[in-house]
Amino acid sequence: LAAQKLARVLTNDPGMGVIRHVDAGYDLAIDVAREKHVHVPMLDTEGE
């Protein structure tokens, strides 16, 4: 159980950092999110 919790933290916390930077408009974060297939609602609605 502890290993599962650790895995979630080590995945979700950096992912949220990427999402925050995408929301701020950083091009590198946008590129990384697309490359790693991170679901970012702000990117999914571009052009609407």
Protein backbone atom coordinates (compact mmCIF):
# COMPACT_ATOMS: atom_id res chain seq x y z
CA LEU A 1 0.00 0.00 0.00
CA ALA A 2 2.79 2.43 0.85
CA ALA A 3 4.47 1.77 -2.50
CA GLN A 4 1.21 2.52 -4.33
CA LYS A 5 0.78 5.79 -2.45
CA LEU A 6 4.36 6.79 -3.19
CA ALA A 7 3.92 6.00 -6.88
CA ARG A 8 0.79 8.19 -7.02
CA VAL A 9 2.56 11.10 -5.34
CA LEU A 10 5.60 10.85 -7.60
CA THR A 11 3.34 10.84 -10.66
CA ASN A 12 0.61 13.30 -9.72
CA ASP A 13 2.67 16.02 -8.05
CA PRO A 14 5.03 16.61 -11.01
CA GLY A 15 2.06 16.32 -13.37
CA MET A 16 0.26 19.11 -11.53
CA GLY A 17 3.40 21.22 -11.83
CA VAL A 18 3.36 20.76 -15.60
CA ILE A 19 -0.33 21.68 -15.70
CA ARG A 20 0.28 24.86 -13.67
CA HIS A 21 3.07 25.90 -16.03
CA VAL A 22 0.92 25.14 -19.09
CA ASP A 23 -1.81 27.33 -17.63
CA ALA A 24 0.78 30.09 -17.18
CA GLY A 25 1.63 29.82 -20.88
CA TYR A 26 5.16 28.41 -20.75
CA ASP A 27 5.99 26.94 -24.17
CA LEU A 28 8.29 24.25 -22.75
CA ALA A 29 5.55 23.02 -20.41
CA ILE A 30 3.08 22.90 -23.31
CA ASP A 31 5.55 20.88 -25.38
CA VAL A 32 6.22 18.46 -22.52
CA ALA A 33 2.51 18.02 -21.80
CA ARG A 34 1.84 17.16 -25.44
CA GLU A 35 4.89 14.88 -25.69
CA LYS A 36 3.96 12.96 -22.52
CA HIS A 37 0.23 12.91 -23.37
CA VAL A 38 -0.73 14.76 -20.19
CA HIS A 39 -4.44 15.64 -20.23
CA VAL A 40 -4.55 19.41 -19.78
CA PRO A 41 -8.05 20.89 -20.11
CA MET A 42 -6.61 24.30 -21.07
CA LEU A 43 -4.90 22.74 -24.11
CA ASP A 44 -7.94 20.71 -25.13
CA THR A 45 -10.06 23.85 -25.55
CA GLU A 46 -7.62 25.91 -27.63
CA GLY A 47 -9.32 27.68 -30.49
CA GLU A 48 -12.87 27.35 -29.14
